């Protein structure tokens, strides 16, 4: 993974400029709205089990990705998490005046 410092050595980071910044990324598998619950649960179970295998863990670890605990990999948790992300970032986006043309 390439660090920001290596890409832009003369540009101070947000922290160096005095901003208390905490950034993260996340990934998830999403299904179309209205997917039957039995299918959601079956696919979630398969995904969780696949991520336990050594081959998948090695690939994810090699990419610098960290797996969440099984309770956080549950569909209900993901739904709450996405809703909280939308609420959190909507405030900042609206305040910034950013719009999509």
N, C-alpha and C. Protein backbone atom coordinates (compact mmCIF):
# COMPACT_ATOMS: atom_id res chain seq x y z
N UNK A 1 0.82 -1.16 0.00
CA UNK A 1 0.00 0.00 0.00
C UNK A 1 0.88 1.25 0.00
N UNK A 2 0.56 2.20 -0.86
CA UNK A 2 1.33 3.43 -1.00
C UNK A 2 0.84 4.46 0.02
N UNK A 3 1.74 5.05 0.76
CA UNK A 3 1.35 6.05 1.74
C UNK A 3 1.18 7.41 1.08
N UNK A 4 0.36 8.23 1.70
CA UNK A 4 0.14 9.59 1.21
C UNK A 4 1.47 10.35 1.23
N UNK A 5 2.27 10.14 2.26
CA UNK A 5 3.55 10.83 2.39
C UNK A 5 4.43 10.57 1.17
N UNK A 6 4.44 9.34 0.67
CA UNK A 6 5.27 9.01 -0.50
C UNK A 6 4.69 9.62 -1.77
N UNK A 7 3.38 9.73 -1.85
CA UNK A 7 2.75 10.29 -3.05
C UNK A 7 2.92 11.81 -3.12
N UNK A 8 2.78 12.47 -2.00
CA UNK A 8 2.84 13.93 -1.95
C UNK A 8 3.75 14.36 -0.80
N UNK A 9 5.06 14.22 -0.96
CA UNK A 9 5.97 14.48 0.17
C UNK A 9 5.98 15.91 0.67
N UNK A 10 5.60 16.89 -0.15
CA UNK A 10 5.66 18.29 0.31
C UNK A 10 4.32 18.79 0.85
N UNK A 11 3.26 17.99 0.72
CA UNK A 11 1.95 18.41 1.20
C UNK A 11 1.75 17.88 2.62
N UNK A 12 1.52 18.78 3.58
CA UNK A 12 1.32 18.32 4.95
C UNK A 12 0.03 17.51 5.07
N UNK A 13 0.06 16.50 5.91
CA UNK A 13 -1.14 15.70 6.14
C UNK A 13 -2.16 16.53 6.91
N UNK A 14 -3.38 16.04 6.96
CA UNK A 14 -4.42 16.74 7.71
C UNK A 14 -4.03 16.86 9.18
N UNK A 15 -3.47 15.80 9.75
CA UNK A 15 -3.05 15.84 11.15
C UNK A 15 -1.94 16.86 11.35
N UNK A 16 -0.99 16.92 10.40
CA UNK A 16 0.10 17.91 10.49
C UNK A 16 -0.44 19.34 10.38
N UNK A 17 -1.62 19.49 9.76
CA UNK A 17 -2.23 20.82 9.65
C UNK A 17 -3.13 21.15 10.84
N UNK A 18 -3.19 20.23 11.80
CA UNK A 18 -3.96 20.50 13.01
C UNK A 18 -5.36 19.93 13.04
N UNK A 19 -5.72 19.14 12.04
CA UNK A 19 -7.05 18.55 12.01
C UNK A 19 -7.02 17.17 12.65
N UNK A 20 -8.00 16.89 13.52
CA UNK A 20 -8.11 15.58 14.15
C UNK A 20 -8.94 14.70 13.22
N UNK A 21 -8.27 14.03 12.30
CA UNK A 21 -8.95 13.26 11.26
C UNK A 21 -8.84 11.77 11.54
N UNK A 22 -9.96 11.11 11.45
CA UNK A 22 -9.99 9.65 11.55
C UNK A 22 -10.74 9.15 10.33
N UNK A 23 -10.06 8.44 9.49
CA UNK A 23 -10.68 7.95 8.25
C UNK A 23 -10.61 6.44 8.21
N UNK A 24 -11.56 5.85 7.55
CA UNK A 24 -11.61 4.40 7.41
C UNK A 24 -12.36 4.06 6.13
N UNK A 25 -12.21 2.85 5.72
CA UNK A 25 -12.99 2.33 4.60
C UNK A 25 -13.66 1.05 5.07
N UNK A 26 -14.66 0.64 4.36
CA UNK A 26 -15.31 -0.62 4.68
C UNK A 26 -15.86 -1.22 3.39
N UNK A 27 -16.02 -2.50 3.42
CA UNK A 27 -16.56 -3.23 2.27
C UNK A 27 -17.68 -4.13 2.75
N UNK A 28 -18.62 -4.39 1.88
CA UNK A 28 -19.73 -5.28 2.24
C UNK A 28 -20.31 -5.89 0.98
N UNK A 29 -20.97 -7.01 1.15
CA UNK A 29 -21.74 -7.61 0.08
C UNK A 29 -23.17 -7.15 0.25
N UNK A 30 -23.75 -6.59 -0.80
CA UNK A 30 -25.13 -6.10 -0.75
C UNK A 30 -25.97 -6.86 -1.76
N UNK A 31 -27.24 -7.02 -1.44
CA UNK A 31 -28.19 -7.70 -2.31
C UNK A 31 -29.30 -6.74 -2.69
N UNK A 32 -30.01 -7.04 -3.77
CA UNK A 32 -31.13 -6.17 -4.17
C UNK A 32 -32.20 -6.10 -3.08
N UNK A 33 -32.82 -4.95 -2.95
CA UNK A 33 -33.92 -4.78 -2.00
C UNK A 33 -34.99 -5.83 -2.31
N UNK A 34 -35.52 -6.40 -1.27
CA UNK A 34 -36.58 -7.39 -1.46
C UNK A 34 -36.09 -8.82 -1.63
N UNK A 35 -34.78 -9.02 -1.54
CA UNK A 35 -34.26 -10.39 -1.62
C UNK A 35 -34.85 -11.18 -0.44
N UNK A 36 -35.40 -12.36 -0.71
CA UNK A 36 -35.99 -13.15 0.39
C UNK A 36 -34.99 -13.39 1.52
N UNK A 37 -35.49 -13.32 2.76
CA UNK A 37 -34.64 -13.46 3.94
C UNK A 37 -33.87 -14.78 3.95
N UNK A 38 -34.48 -15.85 3.46
CA UNK A 38 -33.79 -17.14 3.44
C UNK A 38 -32.55 -17.08 2.56
N UNK A 39 -32.64 -16.36 1.45
CA UNK A 39 -31.49 -16.22 0.55
C UNK A 39 -30.44 -15.32 1.20
N UNK A 40 -30.86 -14.24 1.83
CA UNK A 40 -29.94 -13.33 2.52
C UNK A 40 -29.14 -14.13 3.56
N UNK A 41 -29.83 -14.91 4.37
CA UNK A 41 -29.16 -15.67 5.42
C UNK A 41 -28.23 -16.74 4.85
N UNK A 42 -28.66 -17.42 3.79
CA UNK A 42 -27.82 -18.46 3.19
C UNK A 42 -26.54 -17.86 2.60
N UNK A 43 -26.67 -16.75 1.90
CA UNK A 43 -25.48 -16.11 1.32
C UNK A 43 -24.58 -15.53 2.41
N UNK A 44 -25.17 -14.97 3.46
CA UNK A 44 -24.37 -14.44 4.55
C UNK A 44 -23.58 -15.56 5.23
N UNK A 45 -24.23 -16.68 5.48
CA UNK A 45 -23.55 -17.81 6.10
C UNK A 45 -22.39 -18.27 5.22
N UNK A 46 -22.63 -18.39 3.91
CA UNK A 46 -21.57 -18.84 2.99
C UNK A 46 -20.41 -17.85 2.98
N UNK A 47 -20.71 -16.55 3.01
CA UNK A 47 -19.66 -15.53 3.00
C UNK A 47 -18.83 -15.58 4.27
N UNK A 48 -19.49 -15.72 5.42
CA UNK A 48 -18.78 -15.79 6.70
C UNK A 48 -17.90 -17.03 6.74
N UNK A 49 -18.42 -18.15 6.30
CA UNK A 49 -17.63 -19.39 6.30
C UNK A 49 -16.45 -19.29 5.34
N UNK A 50 -16.66 -18.69 4.18
CA UNK A 50 -15.56 -18.54 3.21
C UNK A 50 -14.45 -17.67 3.78
N UNK A 51 -14.81 -16.63 4.52
CA UNK A 51 -13.80 -15.74 5.07
C UNK A 51 -13.00 -16.38 6.20
N UNK A 52 -13.46 -17.51 6.70
CA UNK A 52 -12.72 -18.25 7.73
C UNK A 52 -11.64 -19.14 7.12
N UNK A 53 -11.71 -19.39 5.82
CA UNK A 53 -10.75 -20.32 5.22
C UNK A 53 -9.37 -19.67 5.13
N UNK A 54 -8.32 -20.46 5.30
CA UNK A 54 -6.96 -19.91 5.24
C UNK A 54 -6.65 -19.19 3.93
N UNK A 55 -7.10 -19.72 2.82
CA UNK A 55 -6.78 -19.10 1.52
C UNK A 55 -7.39 -17.71 1.41
N UNK A 56 -8.63 -17.56 1.81
CA UNK A 56 -9.29 -16.25 1.74
C UNK A 56 -8.67 -15.30 2.75
N UNK A 57 -8.45 -15.77 3.96
CA UNK A 57 -7.83 -14.91 4.99
C UNK A 57 -6.47 -14.40 4.54
N UNK A 58 -5.69 -15.28 3.91
CA UNK A 58 -4.37 -14.88 3.42
C UNK A 58 -4.48 -13.78 2.37
N UNK A 59 -5.43 -13.93 1.46
CA UNK A 59 -5.63 -12.91 0.41
C UNK A 59 -6.06 -11.58 1.04
N UNK A 60 -7.00 -11.64 1.95
CA UNK A 60 -7.49 -10.40 2.58
C UNK A 60 -6.40 -9.75 3.42
N UNK A 61 -5.69 -10.55 4.19
CA UNK A 61 -4.58 -10.01 5.00
C UNK A 61 -3.53 -9.38 4.10
N UNK A 62 -3.22 -10.04 2.97
CA UNK A 62 -2.23 -9.52 2.03
C UNK A 62 -2.63 -8.19 1.42
N UNK A 63 -3.94 -7.96 1.33
CA UNK A 63 -4.45 -6.70 0.79
C UNK A 63 -4.62 -5.65 1.89
N UNK A 64 -4.26 -6.01 3.13
CA UNK A 64 -4.38 -5.07 4.24
C UNK A 64 -5.79 -4.94 4.77
N UNK A 65 -6.66 -5.89 4.45
CA UNK A 65 -8.05 -5.84 4.90
C UNK A 65 -8.21 -6.60 6.21
N UNK A 66 -8.98 -6.04 7.10
CA UNK A 66 -9.26 -6.66 8.39
C UNK A 66 -10.71 -7.12 8.42
N UNK A 67 -10.92 -8.33 8.88
CA UNK A 67 -12.27 -8.86 8.98
C UNK A 67 -12.92 -8.43 10.29
N UNK A 68 -14.21 -8.19 10.22
CA UNK A 68 -14.96 -7.86 11.42
C UNK A 68 -15.38 -9.15 12.10
N UNK A 69 -15.79 -9.05 13.35
CA UNK A 69 -16.29 -10.21 14.07
C UNK A 69 -17.59 -10.68 13.42
N UNK A 70 -17.95 -11.94 13.68
CA UNK A 70 -19.14 -12.51 13.03
C UNK A 70 -20.41 -11.72 13.34
N UNK A 71 -20.54 -11.20 14.57
CA UNK A 71 -21.74 -10.42 14.88
C UNK A 71 -21.84 -9.16 14.03
N UNK A 72 -20.69 -8.61 13.66
CA UNK A 72 -20.69 -7.41 12.81
C UNK A 72 -20.81 -7.76 11.33
N UNK A 73 -20.72 -9.05 11.00
CA UNK A 73 -20.89 -9.48 9.61
C UNK A 73 -22.34 -9.90 9.34
N UNK A 74 -23.21 -9.72 10.32
CA UNK A 74 -24.62 -10.10 10.19
C UNK A 74 -25.39 -9.04 9.39
N UNK A 75 -26.36 -9.46 8.60
CA UNK A 75 -27.15 -8.50 7.81
C UNK A 75 -27.78 -7.39 8.63
N UNK A 76 -28.31 -7.71 9.81
CA UNK A 76 -28.96 -6.68 10.63
C UNK A 76 -27.95 -5.63 11.08
N UNK A 77 -26.74 -6.07 11.44
CA UNK A 77 -25.70 -5.11 11.84
C UNK A 77 -25.33 -4.22 10.66
N UNK A 78 -25.15 -4.82 9.49
CA UNK A 78 -24.78 -4.05 8.30
C UNK A 78 -25.85 -3.01 7.98
N UNK A 79 -27.11 -3.39 8.11
CA UNK A 79 -28.19 -2.44 7.84
C UNK A 79 -28.10 -1.24 8.78
N UNK A 80 -27.92 -1.50 10.08
CA UNK A 80 -27.78 -0.38 11.04
C UNK A 80 -26.54 0.45 10.75
N UNK A 81 -25.44 -0.21 10.41
CA UNK A 81 -24.20 0.50 10.13
C UNK A 81 -24.35 1.42 8.92
N UNK A 82 -24.93 0.91 7.85
CA UNK A 82 -25.12 1.73 6.64
C UNK A 82 -26.02 2.93 6.95
N UNK A 83 -27.10 2.70 7.69
CA UNK A 83 -27.98 3.81 8.04
C UNK A 83 -27.24 4.87 8.86
N UNK A 84 -26.37 4.44 9.78
CA UNK A 84 -25.61 5.41 10.58
C UNK A 84 -24.59 6.15 9.72
N UNK A 85 -23.99 5.46 8.75
CA UNK A 85 -23.04 6.13 7.85
C UNK A 85 -23.75 7.18 6.99
N UNK A 86 -24.92 6.83 6.49
CA UNK A 86 -25.70 7.78 5.68
C UNK A 86 -26.02 9.02 6.51
N UNK A 87 -26.51 8.81 7.72
CA UNK A 87 -26.87 9.94 8.58
C UNK A 87 -25.64 10.80 8.90
N UNK A 88 -24.52 10.16 9.20
CA UNK A 88 -23.31 10.90 9.57
C UNK A 88 -22.78 11.72 8.39
N UNK A 89 -22.62 11.08 7.25
CA UNK A 89 -22.00 11.77 6.12
C UNK A 89 -22.95 12.74 5.42
N UNK A 90 -24.25 12.52 5.53
CA UNK A 90 -25.21 13.44 4.90
C UNK A 90 -25.08 14.84 5.47
N UNK A 91 -24.87 14.93 6.78
CA UNK A 91 -24.70 16.25 7.44
C UNK A 91 -23.52 16.99 6.83
N UNK A 92 -22.38 16.32 6.71
CA UNK A 92 -21.19 16.96 6.16
C UNK A 92 -21.35 17.31 4.68
N UNK A 93 -21.95 16.41 3.92
CA UNK A 93 -22.13 16.66 2.49
C UNK A 93 -23.06 17.85 2.28
N UNK A 94 -24.16 17.89 3.00
CA UNK A 94 -25.10 19.02 2.88
C UNK A 94 -24.44 20.33 3.29
N UNK A 95 -23.66 20.30 4.38
CA UNK A 95 -23.00 21.51 4.87
C UNK A 95 -21.95 22.01 3.87
N UNK A 96 -21.34 21.10 3.13
CA UNK A 96 -20.30 21.49 2.18
C UNK A 96 -20.87 22.09 0.89
N UNK A 97 -22.13 21.80 0.60
CA UNK A 97 -22.73 22.29 -0.63
C UNK A 97 -22.40 21.43 -1.84
N UNK A 98 -21.79 20.29 -1.62
CA UNK A 98 -21.45 19.38 -2.72
C UNK A 98 -22.73 18.89 -3.37
N UNK A 99 -22.73 18.82 -4.70
CA UNK A 99 -23.88 18.27 -5.40
C UNK A 99 -23.39 17.46 -6.60
N UNK A 100 -24.23 16.58 -7.06
CA UNK A 100 -23.93 15.77 -8.24
C UNK A 100 -24.69 16.36 -9.41
N UNK A 101 -23.97 16.61 -10.48
CA UNK A 101 -24.63 17.15 -11.69
C UNK A 101 -25.06 16.04 -12.60
